[in-house]
Amino acid sequence: MLKKILFHFFALAIFFQLNAKENERPKEIQEWSNIEGKEFFVFVDKSSPVSTPAGNEKSPFKSVDDAFSFLSLQKKQHTKIKAVLNIKGSFATEYSYIITYPTKIIGSHTEKRGEKNIKSNINFGKNAAFIVTSSFLHLENVSVTRRELVNEPRTVPIIYSLASNVIVKDSYIYAKEGGNVCNFLDSNISIIGSTITSIQNSYSNIIEAKNSNCKISTSKFLSSARSIIAIDANNSNITVTDINAELTSLYFAFFARVFSSTFTVETSSLIAKGSGKAKEAIIYNEENSIKLKSLKLEGFEKESSLKKGKLDYIK
């Protein structure tokens, strides 16, 4: 128990230190084959009967925690590594996973239950998350979930990225309470064919991007809260194509708030529900380049409007 407490404290300490840093925006996302490092393929199967797992396909680890512990040892022995985790099953963890070397996590199992496809799952405990720093994280065919208590005093994004590359492909991210879902600083992000859900008692923010490049396509954003700003962009390049956003609010809802950024939304459906104010889907300041094309609005009165200053967005 003490080990878990110390590890979690260490992870959170790094998170808040990183949050204060300012770095140059990295280059575009690299191809995995061009990333240098000794490559490790690690297998994890919750139902594995093996008593002494080695992490290979015939003898997989039984938990994602064990896989990251193994890779931590490899990182000490090699100057550069990159890792592919193939996971099967549902895994609960109280740890934050600190990604400091290129990492792919790929779900190797999808189970059909009624109309739902149940993917291999990582269920984070209280305040636990992915913390990616000057590195690369690729999530594919996985479900990442976390459920916090209402009014939890500390908020930690499920994915926090600093000066890194993040890809979320064919995956599902679910957050109940705990604050914004993804926080990207000086990073490159690609979200493809994925669903991100945020259920909050108070304020809901799915993506906060600062000094970052973000491409979102063929995905769904679902949120329910008193107030919602699905995408909050500052000094970033954001391109959204073929997205379905459904926002249910009590006070107000915006699909995006954009400051000093390039923001493009095409061929997307933006839906506002609930009793909250939904005058415009997108608000922005004078220092933006905004391109909107083929948008379907429901619940919102208009596509966008110019706002002066950062405090008048609910007027």
Protein backbone atom coordinates (compact mmCIF):
# COMPACT_ATOMS: atom_id res chain seq x y z
CA MET A 1 0.00 0.00 0.00
CA LEU A 2 2.82 2.41 0.90
CA LYS A 3 4.46 1.69 -2.45
CA LYS A 4 1.25 2.63 -4.27
CA ILE A 5 0.86 5.84 -2.27
CA LEU A 6 4.47 6.90 -2.93
CA PHE A 7 4.22 6.03 -6.63
CA HIS A 8 0.98 7.95 -7.04
CA PHE A 9 2.37 10.95 -5.16
CA PHE A 10 5.44 10.90 -7.41
CA ALA A 11 3.27 10.80 -10.53
CA LEU A 12 1.14 13.73 -9.43
CA ALA A 13 4.22 15.74 -8.45
CA ILE A 14 5.61 15.28 -11.95
CA PHE A 15 2.24 16.25 -13.43
CA PHE A 16 2.12 19.61 -11.67
CA GLN A 17 5.79 20.34 -12.39
CA LEU A 18 5.27 19.64 -16.08
CA ASN A 19 2.15 21.76 -16.14
CA ALA A 20 4.24 24.83 -15.34
CA LYS A 21 6.72 24.32 -18.21
CA GLU A 22 6.70 26.01 -21.59
CA ASN A 23 8.21 24.22 -24.59
CA GLU A 24 8.34 24.64 -28.33
CA ARG A 25 5.66 22.85 -30.29
CA PRO A 26 7.08 19.54 -31.64
CA LYS A 27 7.18 18.53 -35.28
CA GLU A 28 4.39 16.50 -36.86
CA ILE A 29 3.70 13.00 -35.54
CA GLN A 30 6.42 10.57 -36.58
CA GLU A 31 5.80 7.24 -38.26
CA TRP A 32 6.35 4.46 -35.73
CA SER A 33 8.90 2.78 -38.02
CA ASN A 34 11.02 5.95 -38.01
CA ILE A 35 11.22 6.19 -34.23
CA GLU A 36 14.58 5.02 -32.93
CA GLY A 37 14.91 2.57 -30.06
CA LYS A 38 15.03 -1.12 -29.19
CA GLU A 39 11.47 -2.39 -29.74
CA PHE A 40 9.74 -4.52 -27.13
CA PHE A 41 6.52 -6.43 -27.80
CA VAL A 42 4.72 -7.11 -24.54
CA PHE A 43 1.57 -9.19 -24.15
CA VAL A 44 -1.00 -8.86 -21.37
CA ASP A 45 -3.96 -11.20 -20.89
CA LYS A 46 -6.17 -10.91 -17.83
CA SER A 47 -7.29 -14.55 -18.14
CA SER A 48 -3.82 -16.03 -18.62
CA PRO A 49 -3.35 -19.24 -16.55
CA VAL A 50 0.44 -18.89 -16.52
CA SER A 51 1.83 -18.70 -12.97
CA THR A 52 5.21 -17.17 -13.87
CA PRO A 53 4.52 -14.83 -16.84
CA ALA A 54 7.32 -13.57 -19.06
CA GLY A 55 5.29 -11.02 -21.04
CA ASN A 56 5.51 -12.80 -24.37
CA GLU A 57 2.62 -14.14 -26.47
CA LYS A 58 2.75 -17.64 -24.96
CA SER A 59 3.29 -16.43 -21.41
CA PRO A 60 1.59 -13.00 -21.09
CA PHE A 61 1.51 -10.77 -18.04
CA LYS A 62 -1.77 -10.68 -16.15
CA SER A 63 -1.87 -6.90 -15.63
CA VAL A 64 -0.88 -3.72 -17.42
CA ASP A 65 0.90 -2.65 -14.22
CA ASP A 66 3.22 -5.66 -14.55
CA ALA A 67 3.90 -4.78 -18.17
CA PHE A 68 4.95 -1.23 -17.31
CA SER A 69 7.11 -2.50 -14.42
CA PHE A 70 8.88 -4.80 -16.86
CA LEU A 71 9.41 -1.98 -19.36
CA SER A 72 10.75 0.27 -16.61
CA LEU A 73 13.53 -2.26 -16.03
CA GLN A 74 14.27 -2.39 -19.76
CA LYS A 75 14.48 1.40 -19.87
CA LYS A 76 17.25 1.28 -17.28
CA GLN A 77 19.25 -1.19 -19.37
CA HIS A 78 18.87 0.43 -22.79
CA THR A 79 19.46 4.03 -23.86
CA LYS A 80 16.39 4.11 -26.11
CA ILE A 81 13.40 1.81 -26.18
CA LYS A 82 9.96 1.76 -27.73
CA ALA A 83 7.18 -0.56 -26.61
CA VAL A 84 4.07 -2.19 -28.04
CA LEU A 85 1.62 -3.49 -25.43
CA ASN A 86 -0.97 -5.95 -26.71
CA ILE A 87 -3.68 -6.14 -24.05
CA LYS A 88 -6.65 -8.49 -23.71
CA GLY A 89 -9.25 -8.11 -20.98
CA SER A 90 -10.27 -5.47 -18.45
CA PHE A 91 -7.64 -4.04 -16.11
CA ALA A 92 -8.00 -1.81 -13.05
CA THR A 93 -5.09 0.31 -11.85
CA GLU A 94 -4.46 2.86 -9.12
CA TYR A 95 -1.27 4.04 -10.83
CA SER A 96 -0.63 6.88 -13.24
CA TYR A 97 1.28 5.65 -16.28
CA ILE A 98 4.12 8.06 -17.01
CA ILE A 99 5.06 7.71 -20.68
CA THR A 100 8.68 8.78 -21.23
CA TYR A 101 9.46 6.40 -24.12
CA PRO A 102 7.37 5.77 -27.28
CA THR A 103 4.49 3.48 -26.34
CA LYS A 104 1.67 1.78 -28.23
CA ILE A 105 -1.21 0.19 -26.34
CA ILE A 106 -3.33 -1.97 -28.62
CA GLY A 107 -6.42 -3.87 -27.57
CA SER A 108 -6.37 -7.36 -29.05
CA HIS A 109 -9.94 -8.18 -28.06
CA THR A 110 -13.36 -6.78 -28.87
CA GLU A 111 -16.46 -8.46 -27.47
CA LYS A 112 -19.92 -7.95 -28.92
CA ARG A 113 -22.59 -7.32 -26.27
CA GLY A 114 -25.92 -6.49 -27.81
CA GLU A 115 -25.36 -3.40 -29.93
CA LYS A 116 -22.11 -2.49 -28.15
CA ASN A 117 -18.54 -3.48 -28.93
CA ILE A 118 -16.69 -3.96 -25.63
CA LYS A 119 -12.99 -3.27 -26.06
CA SER A 120 -10.06 -4.26 -23.87
CA ASN A 121 -10.23 -1.79 -20.99
CA ILE A 122 -7.94 0.16 -18.68
CA ASN A 123 -9.91 1.50 -15.73
CA PHE A 124 -7.98 4.20 -13.86
CA GLY A 125 -8.52 4.77 -10.16
CA LYS A 126 -8.83 8.11 -8.43
CA ASN A 127 -6.57 10.81 -9.97
CA ALA A 128 -4.69 8.26 -12.08
CA ALA A 129 -4.00 8.96 -15.76
CA PHE A 130 -1.65 8.81 -18.73
CA ILE A 131 1.09 11.44 -18.34
CA VAL A 132 3.07 11.78 -21.56
CA THR A 133 6.21 13.91 -21.49
CA SER A 134 8.48 14.53 -24.50
CA SER A 135 7.41 11.20 -25.91
CA PHE A 136 4.81 9.30 -27.96
CA LEU A 137 1.58 7.54 -26.95
CA HIS A 138 -0.61 5.56 -29.34
CA LEU A 139 -3.91 4.06 -28.11
CA GLU A 140 -5.74 1.74 -30.48
CA ASN A 141 -8.85 -0.41 -30.05
CA VAL A 142 -8.88 0.18 -26.30
CA SER A 143 -11.29 1.57 -23.75
CA VAL A 144 -9.97 3.93 -21.09
CA THR A 145 -12.31 4.78 -18.22
CA ARG A 146 -12.23 6.64 -14.92
CA ARG A 147 -14.95 7.46 -12.41
CA GLU A 148 -14.31 10.09 -9.74
CA LEU A 149 -16.40 11.44 -6.89
CA VAL A 150 -18.40 14.66 -7.27
CA ASN A 151 -16.47 17.74 -6.08
CA GLU A 152 -13.13 15.95 -5.96
CA PRO A 153 -10.73 18.82 -5.06
CA ARG A 154 -7.93 17.72 -7.39
CA THR A 155 -8.54 17.44 -11.15
CA VAL A 156 -6.24 15.37 -13.35
CA PRO A 157 -6.89 14.83 -17.09
CA ILE A 158 -7.10 11.22 -18.25
CA ILE A 159 -4.52 12.10 -20.91
CA TYR A 160 -1.99 14.84 -20.14
CA SER A 161 0.54 15.50 -22.89
CA LEU A 162 3.53 17.84 -22.75
CA ALA A 163 5.75 18.29 -25.85
CA SER A 164 4.58 14.91 -27.11
CA ASN A 165 2.75 13.08 -29.87
CA VAL A 166 -0.55 11.38 -29.04
CA ILE A 167 -2.69 9.17 -31.30
CA VAL A 168 -6.10 7.86 -30.23
CA LYS A 169 -7.50 5.45 -32.83
CA ASP A 170 -10.69 3.37 -32.77
CA SER A 171 -10.86 3.79 -29.01
CA TYR A 172 -13.25 4.85 -26.29
CA ILE A 173 -12.47 7.27 -23.46
CA TYR A 174 -14.98 7.73 -20.67
CA ALA A 175 -14.67 10.20 -17.77
CA LYS A 176 -17.17 10.63 -14.98
CA GLU A 177 -16.19 13.66 -12.88
CA GLY A 178 -12.50 14.52 -12.44
CA GLY A 179 -12.33 17.59 -14.69
CA ASN A 180 -11.22 17.92 -18.30
CA VAL A 181 -10.55 14.71 -20.19
CA CYS A 182 -7.50 15.61 -22.32
CA ASN A 183 -4.94 18.36 -21.76
CA PHE A 184 -2.46 18.95 -24.59
CA LEU A 185 0.43 21.40 -24.22
CA ASP A 186 3.00 21.91 -26.99
CA SER A 187 1.87 18.64 -28.55
CA ASN A 188 0.63 16.96 -31.72
CA ILE A 189 -2.61 15.02 -31.46
CA SER A 190 -4.54 12.75 -33.81
CA ILE A 191 -7.96 11.37 -32.82
CA ILE A 192 -9.47 8.97 -35.34
CA GLY A 193 -12.64 6.89 -35.21
CA SER A 194 -12.97 7.30 -31.45
CA THR A 195 -15.60 8.25 -28.88
CA ILE A 196 -14.83 10.53 -25.93
CA THR A 197 -17.47 10.89 -23.21
CA SER A 198 -17.41 13.35 -20.30
CA ILE A 199 -20.07 13.23 -17.58
CA GLN A 200 -19.57 16.02 -15.04
CA ASN A 201 -21.62 17.54 -12.28
CA SER A 202 -20.23 21.03 -12.93
CA TYR A 203 -17.98 21.95 -15.89
CA SER A 204 -17.09 19.66 -18.79
CA ASN A 205 -14.13 20.10 -21.11
CA ILE A 206 -13.11 17.27 -23.44
CA ILE A 207 -10.01 18.78 -25.05
CA GLU A 208 -7.89 21.67 -23.83
CA ALA A 209 -5.16 22.47 -26.35
CA LYS A 210 -2.43 25.07 -25.92
CA ASN A 211 0.36 25.60 -28.48
CA SER A 212 -0.66 22.33 -30.11
CA ASN A 213 -1.69 20.76 -33.40
CA CYS A 214 -4.82 18.63 -33.25
CA LYS A 215 -6.59 16.61 -35.95
CA ILE A 216 -9.92 14.96 -35.11
CA SER A 217 -11.85 12.84 -37.61
CA THR A 218 -14.78 10.39 -37.76
CA SER A 219 -15.27 10.58 -33.99
CA LYS A 220 -17.93 11.31 -31.38
CA PHE A 221 -17.89 13.73 -28.45
CA LEU A 222 -20.58 13.13 -25.83
CA SER A 223 -20.94 15.32 -22.76
CA SER A 224 -23.41 16.05 -19.98
CA ALA A 225 -22.78 18.79 -17.40
CA ARG A 226 -24.00 22.11 -16.05
CA SER A 227 -21.69 23.94 -18.45
CA ILE A 228 -19.72 22.62 -21.42
CA ILE A 229 -16.89 23.77 -23.66
CA ALA A 230 -15.99 20.63 -25.60
CA ILE A 231 -12.83 22.05 -27.22
CA ASP A 232 -10.87 24.91 -25.64
CA ALA A 233 -8.07 26.01 -27.99
CA ASN A 234 -5.36 28.61 -27.39
CA ASN A 235 -2.61 29.35 -29.93
CA SER A 236 -3.25 26.01 -31.65
CA ASN A 237 -4.08 24.50 -35.02
CA ILE A 238 -7.27 22.42 -34.80
CA THR A 239 -8.86 20.52 -37.68
CA VAL A 240 -12.15 18.68 -37.13
CA THR A 241 -13.72 16.51 -39.83
CA ASP A 242 -16.82 14.31 -39.67
CA ILE A 243 -17.48 14.58 -35.94
CA ASN A 244 -20.73 14.05 -34.08
CA ALA A 245 -20.88 16.14 -30.90
CA GLU A 246 -23.83 15.83 -28.52
CA LEU A 247 -23.72 18.26 -25.59
CA THR A 248 -26.36 18.24 -22.85
CA SER A 249 -26.09 21.22 -20.49
CA LEU A 250 -28.00 22.92 -17.70
CA TYR A 251 -26.42 26.43 -17.95
CA PHE A 252 -24.59 26.75 -21.30
CA ALA A 253 -22.83 24.74 -23.99
CA PHE A 254 -20.26 25.50 -26.70
CA PHE A 255 -18.65 23.08 -29.06
CA ALA A 256 -15.49 25.21 -29.11
CA ARG A 257 -13.91 28.31 -27.60
CA VAL A 258 -11.02 29.45 -29.79
CA PHE A 259 -8.34 32.04 -29.03
CA SER A 260 -5.42 33.00 -31.31
CA SER A 261 -5.74 29.77 -33.28
CA THR A 262 -6.48 28.26 -36.66
CA PHE A 263 -9.73 26.32 -36.37
CA THR A 264 -11.43 24.27 -39.09
CA VAL A 265 -14.61 22.24 -38.77
CA GLU A 266 -16.08 20.39 -41.75
CA THR A 267 -18.91 17.92 -42.40
CA SER A 268 -19.88 17.61 -38.74
CA SER A 269 -23.01 17.43 -36.60
CA LEU A 270 -23.11 19.69 -33.52
CA ILE A 271 -26.06 19.07 -31.21
CA ALA A 272 -27.01 20.99 -28.06
CA LYS A 273 -29.54 19.47 -25.66
CA GLY A 274 -30.90 20.32 -22.22
CA SER A 275 -32.03 23.66 -20.83
CA GLY A 276 -28.63 25.37 -21.12
CA LYS A 277 -28.03 28.43 -23.30
CA ALA A 278 -26.78 27.42 -26.77
CA LYS A 279 -26.65 30.59 -28.87
CA GLU A 280 -23.57 29.73 -30.93
CA ALA A 281 -21.63 26.52 -31.38
CA ILE A 282 -18.22 28.22 -31.67
CA ILE A 283 -16.91 31.43 -30.14
CA TYR A 284 -13.60 33.05 -31.04
CA ASN A 285 -11.55 36.24 -30.74
CA GLU A 286 -10.11 38.54 -33.40
CA GLU A 287 -6.80 36.69 -33.73
CA ASN A 288 -8.22 33.55 -35.32
CA SER A 289 -8.55 31.93 -38.69
CA ILE A 290 -11.92 30.16 -38.70
CA LYS A 291 -13.19 27.86 -41.47
CA LEU A 292 -16.62 26.20 -41.17
CA LYS A 293 -18.11 24.03 -43.89
CA SER A 294 -21.13 21.71 -44.13
CA LEU A 295 -22.13 21.84 -40.48
CA LYS A 296 -25.40 20.43 -39.24
CA LEU A 297 -26.66 22.28 -36.16
CA GLU A 298 -29.34 21.15 -33.75
CA GLY A 299 -30.17 23.14 -30.64
CA PHE A 300 -27.58 25.83 -31.43
CA GLU A 301 -28.96 29.08 -32.86
CA LYS A 302 -25.96 29.77 -35.12
CA GLU A 303 -22.58 28.41 -36.08
CA SER A 304 -20.24 30.99 -34.56
CA SER A 305 -19.67 34.50 -33.27
CA LEU A 306 -16.81 36.85 -32.46
CA LYS A 307 -16.19 37.62 -28.78
CA LYS A 308 -13.89 40.28 -27.40
CA GLY A 309 -12.00 39.17 -24.34
CA LYS A 310 -12.15 35.86 -22.47
CA LEU A 311 -14.83 36.59 -19.90
CA ASP A 312 -17.91 37.32 -21.97
CA TYR A 313 -18.46 33.91 -23.52
CA ILE A 314 -21.75 33.22 -21.73
CA LYS A 315 -23.38 36.53 -22.66
